[in-house]
Amino acid sequence: MKRYLQRYGSMMRFNHWIMVLLFGLAGFSGLALFHPSLFFLDNLFGGPQWTRILHPYLGVGVFIAFLFMFFALARANLFNRNDVEWMKKSGDMLAGRKANMPPAGRFNAGQKGVFWVMAICMLLLLVTGVLFWQQWFANSVPIPLQRVALVVHALSAFAISLVVVMHIYAALWVKGTVRAMTQGTVSAGWAKQNHYLWYKKVTGEGADKR
C-alpha cells in the first residue's frame, strides 16, 4: 500500500497559491478603500490612486484563478446523501469526535459548503464590482444601482472573508491537510481517517467506488 496518495496536481497547487496572493492583495486594497480608518493600507500599493486603479484588476485576477479551480473541482463538490448524514453529525466534528463522523468522499459536506459559498460570493463580487468600476463601466450605470452594488459588494466581501478564515483554520486544525497544497500528497492514514470513501476509490480497497 502506498504511504502517500496524490491529492492535488502541480497546476492546481500553483493556481491555489496564485489565488491566495491575489485574494490577499485584493482584500487589503479593498479595505483601504472601504473605510478611512484603514486608509493607511493604500501605502502597500503606492498611494490612493494606484490602490483604486489596481483593486478591480486584482479582483478580476482572483475570479479567473477561482474559475480554473471551479471547473476542476465542481463535480467533486456536488452534494449527495452521504453529506446529509455528515451534516447531521457536524457537532461531533466540532467537538473533536471525528470517529463518530460518517465516511466522506474527496470532500466532506463542510468543505463543499465552503466551495459553493465562495463560488456565489466570487460571482457577486465580480458582477457588483463591474457595476461601479469607474474607469470602464460606472458612467453607464445608474447611481441608485451603483449604490446597491456597493452594499452587496461589501457584504459579499465580508462573507467570503469569514469563509476563508474558516478554511484556513480547518486546514491548520486537521493535521496533515496543509501538505496537500504544499506537496500535493497526503498520508494514507490521513485519507483513511478524513476521506474514507475517497481513500477506497484511489487505493482500490473494497468494492465501493464512490
N, C-alpha and C. Protein backbone atom coordinates (compact mmCIF):
# COMPACT_ATOMS: atom_id res chain seq x y z
N MET A 1 0.85 -1.20 0.00
CA MET A 1 0.00 0.00 0.00
C MET A 1 0.88 1.24 0.00
N LYS A 2 0.48 2.25 -0.80
CA LYS A 2 1.25 3.48 -0.86
C LYS A 2 1.18 4.22 0.47
N ARG A 3 2.31 4.81 0.85
CA ARG A 3 2.34 5.57 2.09
C ARG A 3 1.68 6.93 1.90
N TYR A 4 1.85 7.51 0.69
CA TYR A 4 1.24 8.81 0.39
C TYR A 4 0.39 8.71 -0.87
N LEU A 5 -0.69 9.48 -0.88
CA LEU A 5 -1.62 9.49 -2.01
C LEU A 5 -1.65 10.88 -2.64
N GLN A 6 -1.72 10.90 -3.97
CA GLN A 6 -1.78 12.18 -4.69
C GLN A 6 -3.15 12.82 -4.50
N ARG A 7 -3.16 14.05 -4.01
CA ARG A 7 -4.44 14.76 -3.77
C ARG A 7 -4.63 15.90 -4.76
N TYR A 8 -3.57 16.67 -5.01
CA TYR A 8 -3.65 17.77 -5.96
C TYR A 8 -2.41 17.77 -6.85
N GLY A 9 -2.61 18.05 -8.14
CA GLY A 9 -1.51 18.15 -9.07
C GLY A 9 -0.79 19.48 -8.94
N SER A 10 0.33 19.61 -9.65
CA SER A 10 1.15 20.82 -9.56
C SER A 10 0.41 22.06 -10.08
N MET A 11 -0.37 21.92 -11.15
CA MET A 11 -1.10 23.06 -11.69
C MET A 11 -2.16 23.56 -10.71
N MET A 12 -2.84 22.63 -10.06
CA MET A 12 -3.85 23.01 -9.07
C MET A 12 -3.22 23.74 -7.90
N ARG A 13 -2.08 23.26 -7.45
CA ARG A 13 -1.41 23.90 -6.32
C ARG A 13 -0.89 25.28 -6.71
N PHE A 14 -0.33 25.39 -7.89
CA PHE A 14 0.17 26.68 -8.38
C PHE A 14 -0.98 27.68 -8.46
N ASN A 15 -2.09 27.25 -9.04
CA ASN A 15 -3.26 28.11 -9.16
C ASN A 15 -3.78 28.53 -7.79
N HIS A 16 -3.79 27.60 -6.85
CA HIS A 16 -4.26 27.88 -5.49
C HIS A 16 -3.45 29.00 -4.84
N TRP A 17 -2.13 28.92 -4.95
CA TRP A 17 -1.29 29.91 -4.29
C TRP A 17 -1.30 31.26 -5.01
N ILE A 18 -1.49 31.24 -6.33
CA ILE A 18 -1.70 32.48 -7.06
C ILE A 18 -2.98 33.15 -6.60
N MET A 19 -4.03 32.33 -6.41
CA MET A 19 -5.30 32.87 -5.93
C MET A 19 -5.17 33.42 -4.52
N VAL A 20 -4.41 32.75 -3.67
CA VAL A 20 -4.17 33.23 -2.31
C VAL A 20 -3.51 34.61 -2.34
N LEU A 21 -2.48 34.74 -3.18
CA LEU A 21 -1.76 36.01 -3.29
C LEU A 21 -2.67 37.12 -3.79
N LEU A 22 -3.40 36.85 -4.88
CA LEU A 22 -4.28 37.87 -5.45
C LEU A 22 -5.42 38.21 -4.50
N PHE A 23 -5.95 37.20 -3.80
CA PHE A 23 -7.03 37.44 -2.86
C PHE A 23 -6.57 38.35 -1.73
N GLY A 24 -5.35 38.11 -1.23
CA GLY A 24 -4.81 38.95 -0.17
C GLY A 24 -4.63 40.39 -0.62
N LEU A 25 -4.09 40.56 -1.83
CA LEU A 25 -3.87 41.92 -2.35
C LEU A 25 -5.20 42.62 -2.62
N ALA A 26 -6.15 41.88 -3.19
CA ALA A 26 -7.47 42.47 -3.44
C ALA A 26 -8.15 42.82 -2.13
N GLY A 27 -7.98 41.98 -1.13
CA GLY A 27 -8.59 42.24 0.18
C GLY A 27 -8.03 43.47 0.86
N PHE A 28 -6.72 43.60 0.88
CA PHE A 28 -6.09 44.75 1.53
C PHE A 28 -6.39 46.04 0.78
N SER A 29 -6.37 45.98 -0.55
CA SER A 29 -6.68 47.19 -1.31
C SER A 29 -8.15 47.56 -1.14
N GLY A 30 -9.02 46.55 -1.04
CA GLY A 30 -10.44 46.82 -0.81
C GLY A 30 -10.68 47.44 0.55
N LEU A 31 -9.98 46.96 1.57
CA LEU A 31 -10.12 47.53 2.91
C LEU A 31 -9.65 48.99 2.94
N ALA A 32 -8.59 49.28 2.19
CA ALA A 32 -8.09 50.65 2.14
C ALA A 32 -9.13 51.60 1.56
N LEU A 33 -9.95 51.09 0.64
CA LEU A 33 -10.99 51.91 0.02
C LEU A 33 -12.29 51.91 0.81
N PHE A 34 -12.41 50.97 1.75
CA PHE A 34 -13.68 50.77 2.43
C PHE A 34 -13.95 51.78 3.53
N HIS A 35 -12.91 52.10 4.32
CA HIS A 35 -13.14 52.97 5.48
C HIS A 35 -11.90 53.82 5.75
N PRO A 36 -12.09 55.08 6.12
CA PRO A 36 -10.95 55.98 6.37
C PRO A 36 -9.95 55.44 7.39
N SER A 37 -10.42 54.68 8.38
CA SER A 37 -9.50 54.16 9.40
C SER A 37 -8.53 53.14 8.82
N LEU A 38 -8.85 52.60 7.64
CA LEU A 38 -7.99 51.59 7.00
C LEU A 38 -7.26 52.17 5.80
N PHE A 39 -7.33 53.49 5.67
CA PHE A 39 -6.75 54.16 4.50
C PHE A 39 -5.24 53.97 4.42
N PHE A 40 -4.59 53.74 5.57
CA PHE A 40 -3.14 53.58 5.57
C PHE A 40 -2.68 52.38 4.73
N LEU A 41 -3.58 51.42 4.50
CA LEU A 41 -3.22 50.24 3.71
C LEU A 41 -2.90 50.58 2.26
N ASP A 42 -3.31 51.78 1.81
CA ASP A 42 -3.02 52.13 0.43
C ASP A 42 -1.52 52.33 0.20
N ASN A 43 -0.76 52.46 1.30
CA ASN A 43 0.69 52.58 1.16
C ASN A 43 1.31 51.31 0.57
N LEU A 44 0.61 50.20 0.71
CA LEU A 44 1.09 48.94 0.15
C LEU A 44 1.04 48.94 -1.37
N PHE A 45 0.25 49.85 -1.92
CA PHE A 45 0.01 49.84 -3.37
C PHE A 45 0.47 51.13 -4.06
N GLY A 46 1.19 51.96 -3.32
CA GLY A 46 1.73 53.17 -3.92
C GLY A 46 0.84 54.38 -3.82
N GLY A 47 -0.12 54.37 -2.90
CA GLY A 47 -0.98 55.52 -2.71
C GLY A 47 -2.42 55.26 -3.13
N PRO A 48 -3.31 56.22 -2.84
CA PRO A 48 -4.74 56.02 -3.10
C PRO A 48 -5.08 55.85 -4.57
N GLN A 49 -4.40 56.58 -5.46
CA GLN A 49 -4.72 56.47 -6.88
C GLN A 49 -4.43 55.07 -7.41
N TRP A 50 -3.24 54.57 -7.07
CA TRP A 50 -2.88 53.23 -7.53
C TRP A 50 -3.75 52.15 -6.88
N THR A 51 -4.12 52.39 -5.63
CA THR A 51 -5.00 51.43 -4.95
C THR A 51 -6.33 51.32 -5.67
N ARG A 52 -6.89 52.47 -6.03
CA ARG A 52 -8.17 52.49 -6.73
C ARG A 52 -8.06 51.86 -8.12
N ILE A 53 -6.94 52.07 -8.77
CA ILE A 53 -6.74 51.50 -10.11
C ILE A 53 -6.55 49.98 -10.04
N LEU A 54 -5.71 49.55 -9.09
CA LEU A 54 -5.33 48.13 -9.05
C LEU A 54 -6.41 47.22 -8.48
N HIS A 55 -7.20 47.72 -7.54
CA HIS A 55 -8.15 46.85 -6.84
C HIS A 55 -9.07 46.05 -7.79
N PRO A 56 -9.74 46.68 -8.75
CA PRO A 56 -10.62 45.89 -9.61
C PRO A 56 -9.88 44.86 -10.47
N TYR A 57 -8.66 45.20 -10.90
CA TYR A 57 -7.90 44.24 -11.70
C TYR A 57 -7.47 43.04 -10.85
N LEU A 58 -7.11 43.31 -9.59
CA LEU A 58 -6.78 42.22 -8.68
C LEU A 58 -8.00 41.33 -8.45
N GLY A 59 -9.17 41.97 -8.33
CA GLY A 59 -10.40 41.21 -8.14
C GLY A 59 -10.70 40.31 -9.32
N VAL A 60 -10.53 40.83 -10.53
CA VAL A 60 -10.73 40.02 -11.73
C VAL A 60 -9.74 38.86 -11.77
N GLY A 61 -8.51 39.13 -11.34
CA GLY A 61 -7.50 38.07 -11.29
C GLY A 61 -7.90 36.95 -10.35
N VAL A 62 -8.44 37.31 -9.18
CA VAL A 62 -8.91 36.31 -8.23
C VAL A 62 -10.03 35.47 -8.85
N PHE A 63 -10.95 36.14 -9.52
CA PHE A 63 -12.08 35.44 -10.13
C PHE A 63 -11.60 34.45 -11.19
N ILE A 64 -10.66 34.85 -12.02
CA ILE A 64 -10.14 33.97 -13.07
C ILE A 64 -9.45 32.76 -12.46
N ALA A 65 -8.66 32.99 -11.41
CA ALA A 65 -7.98 31.87 -10.75
C ALA A 65 -9.00 30.93 -10.12
N PHE A 66 -10.05 31.50 -9.51
CA PHE A 66 -11.07 30.64 -8.90
C PHE A 66 -11.85 29.89 -9.97
N LEU A 67 -12.04 30.51 -11.14
CA LEU A 67 -12.77 29.86 -12.22
C LEU A 67 -12.08 28.57 -12.64
N PHE A 68 -10.76 28.60 -12.71
CA PHE A 68 -9.99 27.39 -13.04
C PHE A 68 -10.25 26.32 -11.99
N MET A 69 -10.21 26.70 -10.72
CA MET A 69 -10.46 25.75 -9.64
C MET A 69 -11.90 25.25 -9.67
N PHE A 70 -12.83 26.15 -9.99
CA PHE A 70 -14.24 25.77 -10.02
C PHE A 70 -14.49 24.65 -11.01
N PHE A 71 -14.01 24.83 -12.24
CA PHE A 71 -14.27 23.82 -13.26
C PHE A 71 -13.53 22.52 -12.98
N ALA A 72 -12.42 22.61 -12.27
CA ALA A 72 -11.67 21.40 -11.94
C ALA A 72 -12.30 20.61 -10.80
N LEU A 73 -12.98 21.31 -9.88
CA LEU A 73 -13.46 20.66 -8.66
C LEU A 73 -14.96 20.68 -8.44
N ALA A 74 -15.71 21.33 -9.30
CA ALA A 74 -17.15 21.48 -9.09
C ALA A 74 -17.85 20.13 -8.97
N ARG A 75 -17.51 19.20 -9.83
CA ARG A 75 -18.19 17.90 -9.81
C ARG A 75 -17.95 17.17 -8.49
N ALA A 76 -16.72 17.26 -7.99
CA ALA A 76 -16.39 16.59 -6.73
C ALA A 76 -17.06 17.26 -5.54
N ASN A 77 -17.58 18.48 -5.73
CA ASN A 77 -18.21 19.22 -4.64
C ASN A 77 -19.74 19.20 -4.69
N LEU A 78 -20.30 18.38 -5.56
CA LEU A 78 -21.75 18.23 -5.59
C LEU A 78 -22.20 17.46 -4.35
N PHE A 79 -23.29 17.90 -3.74
CA PHE A 79 -23.78 17.26 -2.52
C PHE A 79 -24.49 15.94 -2.85
N ASN A 80 -24.39 14.99 -1.92
CA ASN A 80 -25.07 13.71 -2.06
C ASN A 80 -25.60 13.27 -0.69
N ARG A 81 -26.16 12.08 -0.64
CA ARG A 81 -26.78 11.59 0.59
C ARG A 81 -25.77 11.45 1.74
N ASN A 82 -24.55 11.11 1.41
CA ASN A 82 -23.52 10.99 2.46
C ASN A 82 -23.31 12.32 3.17
N ASP A 83 -23.44 13.40 2.42
CA ASP A 83 -23.24 14.73 3.00
C ASP A 83 -24.34 15.10 3.99
N VAL A 84 -25.55 14.62 3.73
CA VAL A 84 -26.65 14.87 4.66
C VAL A 84 -26.34 14.24 6.01
N GLU A 85 -25.86 13.01 5.97
CA GLU A 85 -25.50 12.32 7.22
C GLU A 85 -24.32 13.01 7.91
N TRP A 86 -23.38 13.51 7.10
CA TRP A 86 -22.22 14.20 7.66
C TRP A 86 -22.66 15.46 8.38
N MET A 87 -23.57 16.20 7.78
CA MET A 87 -24.05 17.44 8.39
C MET A 87 -24.79 17.17 9.70
N LYS A 88 -25.51 16.07 9.76
CA LYS A 88 -26.22 15.72 10.99
C LYS A 88 -25.24 15.47 12.13
N LYS A 89 -24.04 15.04 11.78
CA LYS A 89 -23.01 14.73 12.78
C LYS A 89 -21.98 15.84 12.93
N SER A 90 -22.22 17.00 12.31
CA SER A 90 -21.22 18.06 12.30
C SER A 90 -20.85 18.53 13.71
N GLY A 91 -21.78 18.40 14.65
CA GLY A 91 -21.47 18.77 16.03
C GLY A 91 -20.36 17.91 16.61
N ASP A 92 -20.34 16.64 16.24
CA ASP A 92 -19.26 15.76 16.68
C ASP A 92 -17.92 16.20 16.11
N MET A 93 -17.93 16.65 14.85
CA MET A 93 -16.69 17.14 14.24
C MET A 93 -16.16 18.35 14.99
N LEU A 94 -17.05 19.30 15.31
CA LEU A 94 -16.62 20.50 16.03
C LEU A 94 -16.14 20.17 17.43
N ALA A 95 -16.69 19.11 18.00
CA ALA A 95 -16.27 18.70 19.35
C ALA A 95 -15.03 17.81 19.33
N GLY A 96 -14.52 17.53 18.13
CA GLY A 96 -13.31 16.73 18.03
C GLY A 96 -13.54 15.23 18.04
N ARG A 97 -14.82 14.82 17.91
CA ARG A 97 -15.12 13.37 17.92
C ARG A 97 -15.22 12.88 16.47
N LYS A 98 -14.08 12.88 15.79
CA LYS A 98 -14.07 12.53 14.37
C LYS A 98 -14.43 11.07 14.13
N ALA A 99 -14.23 10.24 15.13
CA ALA A 99 -14.55 8.81 14.98
C ALA A 99 -16.04 8.59 14.76
N ASN A 100 -16.86 9.55 15.16
CA ASN A 100 -18.32 9.42 15.01
C ASN A 100 -18.81 9.90 13.64
N MET A 101 -17.92 10.46 12.84
CA MET A 101 -18.35 11.04 11.57
C MET A 101 -18.54 9.96 10.50
N PRO A 102 -19.59 10.13 9.67
CA PRO A 102 -19.79 9.20 8.55
C PRO A 102 -18.63 9.34 7.56
N PRO A 103 -18.35 8.31 6.78
CA PRO A 103 -17.25 8.40 5.81
C PRO A 103 -17.54 9.45 4.75
N ALA A 104 -16.51 10.18 4.35
CA ALA A 104 -16.66 11.25 3.35
C ALA A 104 -15.90 10.89 2.09
N GLY A 105 -16.33 11.49 0.99
CA GLY A 105 -15.65 11.31 -0.28
C GLY A 105 -14.45 12.23 -0.38
N ARG A 106 -14.13 12.68 -1.58
CA ARG A 106 -12.95 13.54 -1.75
C ARG A 106 -13.05 14.80 -0.90
N PHE A 107 -14.28 15.33 -0.78
CA PHE A 107 -14.54 16.49 0.07
C PHE A 107 -15.74 16.20 0.96
N ASN A 108 -15.65 16.64 2.22
CA ASN A 108 -16.80 16.44 3.10
C ASN A 108 -17.81 17.57 2.92
N ALA A 109 -18.94 17.47 3.60
CA ALA A 109 -20.00 18.45 3.42
C ALA A 109 -19.58 19.86 3.81
N GLY A 110 -18.76 19.98 4.85
CA GLY A 110 -18.28 21.29 5.26
C GLY A 110 -17.43 21.94 4.19
N GLN A 111 -16.53 21.15 3.58
CA GLN A 111 -15.68 21.67 2.52
C GLN A 111 -16.50 22.04 1.29
N LYS A 112 -17.51 21.25 1.01
CA LYS A 112 -18.38 21.55 -0.13
C LYS A 112 -19.15 22.86 0.11
N GLY A 113 -19.59 23.06 1.34
CA GLY A 113 -20.27 24.30 1.67
C GLY A 113 -19.37 25.50 1.46
N VAL A 114 -18.13 25.39 1.89
CA VAL A 114 -17.16 26.47 1.69
C VAL A 114 -16.97 26.74 0.20
N PHE A 115 -16.86 25.69 -0.58
CA PHE A 115 -16.66 25.82 -2.02
C PHE A 115 -17.80 26.59 -2.68
N TRP A 116 -19.05 26.24 -2.35
CA TRP A 116 -20.18 26.87 -3.02
C TRP A 116 -20.45 28.29 -2.50
N VAL A 117 -20.18 28.53 -1.23
CA VAL A 117 -20.30 29.90 -0.72
C VAL A 117 -19.27 30.79 -1.41
N MET A 118 -18.06 30.28 -1.57
CA MET A 118 -17.03 31.05 -2.27
C MET A 118 -17.43 31.31 -3.71
N ALA A 119 -17.99 30.30 -4.36
CA ALA A 119 -18.40 30.47 -5.76
C ALA A 119 -19.45 31.56 -5.89
N ILE A 120 -20.45 31.54 -5.03
CA ILE A 120 -21.52 32.55 -5.08
C ILE A 120 -20.96 33.94 -4.78
N CYS A 121 -20.12 34.03 -3.74
CA CYS A 121 -19.55 35.34 -3.38
C CYS A 121 -18.64 35.87 -4.48
N MET A 122 -17.85 35.00 -5.11
CA MET A 122 -16.97 35.42 -6.20
C MET A 122 -17.78 36.01 -7.35
N LEU A 123 -18.89 35.35 -7.68
CA LEU A 123 -19.73 35.85 -8.77
C LEU A 123 -20.36 37.19 -8.41
N LEU A 124 -20.85 37.31 -7.17
CA LEU A 124 -21.44 38.58 -6.73
C LEU A 124 -20.40 39.70 -6.72
N LEU A 125 -19.20 39.39 -6.27
CA LEU A 125 -18.15 40.40 -6.24
C LEU A 125 -17.80 40.88 -7.64
N LEU A 126 -17.73 39.94 -8.58
CA LEU A 126 -17.40 40.32 -9.95
C LEU A 126 -18.50 41.20 -10.55
N VAL A 127 -19.74 40.74 -10.47
CA VAL A 127 -20.85 41.46 -11.09
C VAL A 127 -21.04 42.84 -10.47
N THR A 128 -21.05 42.90 -9.13
CA THR A 128 -21.26 44.19 -8.48
C THR A 128 -20.06 45.11 -8.69
N GLY A 129 -18.86 44.55 -8.69
CA GLY A 129 -17.67 45.36 -8.91
C GLY A 129 -17.67 46.02 -10.27
N VAL A 130 -18.11 45.28 -11.28
CA VAL A 130 -18.18 45.84 -12.64
C VAL A 130 -19.15 47.02 -12.69
N LEU A 131 -20.23 46.94 -11.92
CA LEU A 131 -21.26 47.99 -11.97
C LEU A 131 -20.76 49.35 -11.49
N PHE A 132 -19.77 49.36 -10.58
CA PHE A 132 -19.25 50.66 -10.16
C PHE A 132 -17.75 50.81 -10.44
N TRP A 133 -17.27 50.10 -11.46
CA TRP A 133 -15.87 50.23 -11.89
C TRP A 133 -15.74 51.53 -12.67
N GLN A 134 -15.23 52.55 -12.00
CA GLN A 134 -15.24 53.91 -12.54
C GLN A 134 -14.54 54.04 -13.88
N GLN A 135 -13.45 53.35 -14.05
CA GLN A 135 -12.64 53.53 -15.25
C GLN A 135 -13.35 53.04 -16.51
N TRP A 136 -14.20 52.02 -16.38
CA TRP A 136 -14.76 51.40 -17.57
C TRP A 136 -16.28 51.44 -17.66
N PHE A 137 -16.99 51.17 -16.58
CA PHE A 137 -18.43 50.91 -16.72
C PHE A 137 -19.36 51.85 -15.94
N ALA A 138 -18.87 52.48 -14.91
CA ALA A 138 -19.74 53.21 -13.99
C ALA A 138 -20.55 54.32 -14.66
N ASN A 139 -19.99 54.96 -15.66
CA ASN A 139 -20.68 56.08 -16.30
C ASN A 139 -21.99 55.67 -16.98
N SER A 140 -22.11 54.39 -17.31
CA SER A 140 -23.33 53.91 -17.97
C SER A 140 -24.27 53.18 -17.02
N VAL A 141 -23.96 53.20 -15.72
CA VAL A 141 -24.79 52.52 -14.73
C VAL A 141 -25.47 53.56 -13.85
N PRO A 142 -26.79 53.50 -13.67
CA PRO A 142 -27.50 54.48 -12.81
C PRO A 142 -26.93 54.52 -11.39
N ILE A 143 -26.87 55.67 -10.80
CA ILE A 143 -26.33 55.85 -9.46
C ILE A 143 -27.03 54.97 -8.42
N PRO A 144 -28.38 54.89 -8.41
CA PRO A 144 -29.04 54.02 -7.42
C PRO A 144 -28.58 52.56 -7.52
N LEU A 145 -28.39 52.08 -8.74
CA LEU A 145 -27.93 50.71 -8.93
C LEU A 145 -26.49 50.55 -8.43
N GLN A 146 -25.68 51.58 -8.64
CA GLN A 146 -24.30 51.54 -8.14
C GLN A 146 -24.29 51.45 -6.61
N ARG A 147 -25.20 52.18 -5.97
CA ARG A 147 -25.25 52.16 -4.51
C ARG A 147 -25.62 50.78 -3.99
N VAL A 148 -26.60 50.16 -4.63
CA VAL A 148 -26.98 48.79 -4.25
C VAL A 148 -25.80 47.85 -4.47
N ALA A 149 -25.12 48.02 -5.60
CA ALA A 149 -23.98 47.17 -5.92
C ALA A 149 -22.87 47.31 -4.87
N LEU A 150 -22.65 48.54 -4.40
CA LEU A 150 -21.63 48.77 -3.37
C LEU A 150 -21.94 48.01 -2.08
N VAL A 151 -23.21 48.02 -1.67
CA VAL A 151 -23.61 47.32 -0.45
C VAL A 151 -23.45 45.81 -0.62
N VAL A 152 -23.94 45.29 -1.75
CA VAL A 152 -23.83 43.85 -2.00
C VAL A 152 -22.37 43.44 -2.10
N HIS A 153 -21.56 44.29 -2.71
CA HIS A 153 -20.13 44.01 -2.86
C HIS A 153 -19.46 43.90 -1.48
N ALA A 154 -19.77 44.84 -0.61
CA ALA A 154 -19.19 44.85 0.73
C ALA A 154 -19.64 43.62 1.53
N LEU A 155 -20.93 43.29 1.45
CA LEU A 155 -21.45 42.13 2.18
C LEU A 155 -20.84 40.84 1.65
N SER A 156 -20.67 40.74 0.35
CA SER A 156 -20.07 39.55 -0.25
C SER A 156 -18.61 39.42 0.16
N ALA A 157 -17.91 40.55 0.20
CA ALA A 157 -16.50 40.54 0.62
C ALA A 157 -16.38 40.10 2.08
N PHE A 158 -17.30 40.57 2.91
CA PHE A 158 -17.30 40.17 4.32
C PHE A 158 -17.56 38.67 4.47
N ALA A 159 -18.56 38.17 3.72
CA ALA A 159 -18.91 36.75 3.81
C ALA A 159 -17.77 35.86 3.33
N ILE A 160 -17.15 36.22 2.22
CA ILE A 160 -16.08 35.38 1.69
C ILE A 160 -14.85 35.43 2.59
N SER A 161 -14.63 36.56 3.26
CA SER A 161 -13.51 36.67 4.20
C SER A 161 -13.70 35.73 5.39
N LEU A 162 -14.94 35.67 5.91
CA LEU A 162 -15.24 34.74 7.00
C LEU A 162 -15.01 33.31 6.58
N VAL A 163 -15.46 32.97 5.36
CA VAL A 163 -15.32 31.60 4.86
C VAL A 163 -13.83 31.25 4.68
N VAL A 164 -13.05 32.20 4.20
CA VAL A 164 -11.62 31.96 4.01
C VAL A 164 -10.93 31.74 5.36
N VAL A 165 -11.31 32.51 6.36
CA VAL A 165 -10.75 32.30 7.71
C VAL A 165 -11.09 30.91 8.21
N MET A 166 -12.33 30.48 8.00
CA MET A 166 -12.74 29.13 8.39
C MET A 166 -11.93 28.08 7.64
N HIS A 167 -11.72 28.32 6.37
CA HIS A 167 -10.95 27.40 5.53
C HIS A 167 -9.51 27.26 6.03
N ILE A 168 -8.89 28.38 6.35
CA ILE A 168 -7.52 28.36 6.86
C ILE A 168 -7.45 27.66 8.20
N TYR A 169 -8.40 27.97 9.09
CA TYR A 169 -8.43 27.36 10.41
C TYR A 169 -8.58 25.84 10.30
N ALA A 170 -9.49 25.39 9.43
CA ALA A 170 -9.71 23.95 9.27
C ALA A 170 -8.47 23.26 8.72
N ALA A 171 -7.78 23.93 7.78
CA ALA A 171 -6.57 23.35 7.20
C ALA A 171 -5.47 23.18 8.26
N LEU A 172 -5.38 24.14 9.17
CA LEU A 172 -4.37 24.06 10.23
C LEU A 172 -4.81 23.12 11.35
N TRP A 173 -6.11 23.05 11.58
CA TRP A 173 -6.66 22.24 12.67
C TRP A 173 -6.51 20.75 12.39
N VAL A 174 -6.78 20.34 11.15
CA VAL A 174 -6.68 18.93 10.78
C VAL A 174 -5.25 18.65 10.34
N LYS A 175 -4.50 18.04 11.20
CA LYS A 175 -3.08 17.79 10.95
C LYS A 175 -2.88 16.98 9.67
N GLY A 176 -1.96 17.47 8.82
CA GLY A 176 -1.65 16.78 7.58
C GLY A 176 -2.34 17.36 6.37
N THR A 177 -3.26 18.33 6.59
CA THR A 177 -4.02 18.90 5.48
C THR A 177 -3.19 19.86 4.66
N VAL A 178 -2.38 20.69 5.31
CA VAL A 178 -1.59 21.70 4.60
C VAL A 178 -0.66 21.04 3.58
N ARG A 179 -0.18 19.85 3.88
CA ARG A 179 0.73 19.13 2.99
C ARG A 179 0.10 18.94 1.60
N ALA A 180 -1.22 18.80 1.56
CA ALA A 180 -1.90 18.57 0.28
C ALA A 180 -1.69 19.72 -0.68
N MET A 181 -1.62 20.96 -0.17
CA MET A 181 -1.44 22.12 -1.03
C MET A 181 -0.01 22.61 -1.10
N THR A 182 0.89 21.98 -0.37
CA THR A 182 2.30 22.35 -0.46
C THR A 182 3.09 21.29 -1.24
N GLN A 183 2.76 20.03 -1.00
CA GLN A 183 3.48 18.94 -1.67
C GLN A 183 2.58 18.13 -2.60
N GLY A 184 1.28 18.33 -2.48
CA GLY A 184 0.36 17.64 -3.38
C GLY A 184 -0.09 16.27 -2.91
N THR A 185 0.48 15.79 -1.82
CA THR A 185 0.14 14.46 -1.34
C THR A 185 -0.35 14.52 0.11
N VAL A 186 -1.05 13.46 0.50
CA VAL A 186 -1.47 13.27 1.89
C VAL A 186 -1.12 11.85 2.28
N SER A 187 -0.96 11.64 3.56
CA SER A 187 -0.65 10.29 4.01
C SER A 187 -1.87 9.40 3.84
N ALA A 188 -1.63 8.11 3.66
CA ALA A 188 -2.73 7.16 3.52
C ALA A 188 -3.58 7.15 4.79
N GLY A 189 -2.93 7.33 5.94
CA GLY A 189 -3.66 7.37 7.21
C GLY A 189 -4.58 8.57 7.28
N TRP A 190 -4.11 9.72 6.81
CA TRP A 190 -4.93 10.94 6.79
C TRP A 190 -6.14 10.73 5.91
N ALA A 191 -5.92 10.18 4.73
CA ALA A 191 -7.01 9.95 3.79
C ALA A 191 -8.03 8.97 4.36
N LYS A 192 -7.54 7.93 4.97
CA LYS A 192 -8.44 6.90 5.51
C LYS A 192 -9.28 7.46 6.65
N GLN A 193 -8.69 8.32 7.46
CA GLN A 193 -9.40 8.87 8.62
C GLN A 193 -10.39 9.97 8.22
N ASN A 194 -9.99 10.83 7.28
CA ASN A 194 -10.80 12.01 6.97
C ASN A 194 -11.66 11.90 5.72
N HIS A 195 -11.26 11.07 4.76
CA HIS A 195 -11.99 10.95 3.49
C HIS A 195 -11.98 9.49 3.04
N TYR A 196 -12.63 8.67 3.85
CA TYR A 196 -12.51 7.22 3.67
C TYR A 196 -13.03 6.75 2.30
N LEU A 197 -14.15 7.31 1.82
CA LEU A 197 -14.68 6.89 0.53
C LEU A 197 -13.71 7.23 -0.60
N TRP A 198 -13.08 8.41 -0.50
CA TRP A 198 -12.07 8.78 -1.49
C TRP A 198 -10.85 7.88 -1.37
N TYR A 199 -10.46 7.56 -0.16
CA TYR A 199 -9.34 6.66 0.08
C TYR A 199 -9.58 5.31 -0.60
N LYS A 200 -10.78 4.76 -0.43
CA LYS A 200 -11.09 3.47 -1.03
C LYS A 200 -11.08 3.55 -2.56
N LYS A 201 -11.51 4.68 -3.08
CA LYS A 201 -11.54 4.83 -4.54
C LYS A 201 -10.15 4.88 -5.13
N VAL A 202 -9.26 5.67 -4.54
CA VAL A 202 -7.92 5.83 -5.12
C VAL A 202 -7.00 4.66 -4.83
N THR A 203 -7.30 3.89 -3.78
CA THR A 203 -6.47 2.73 -3.46
C THR A 203 -7.05 1.43 -3.99
N GLY A 204 -8.34 1.47 -4.36
CA GLY A 204 -8.98 0.25 -4.83
C GLY A 204 -9.38 -0.70 -3.72
N GLU A 205 -9.33 -0.19 -2.49
CA GLU A 205 -9.68 -1.03 -1.36
C GLU A 205 -11.20 -1.18 -1.26
N GLY A 206 -11.72 -2.38 -1.22
CA GLY A 206 -13.14 -2.60 -1.11
C GLY A 206 -13.84 -2.44 -2.46
N ALA A 207 -15.13 -2.68 -2.48
CA ALA A 207 -15.89 -2.64 -3.72
C ALA A 207 -16.55 -1.29 -3.97
N ASP A 208 -16.64 -0.44 -2.95
CA ASP A 208 -17.32 0.85 -3.07
C ASP A 208 -16.44 1.83 -3.83
N LYS A 209 -16.86 2.27 -4.99
CA LYS A 209 -16.06 3.16 -5.83
C LYS A 209 -16.63 4.58 -5.91
N ARG A 210 -17.43 4.95 -4.94
CA ARG A 210 -18.00 6.30 -4.96
C ARG A 210 -16.93 7.36 -4.74
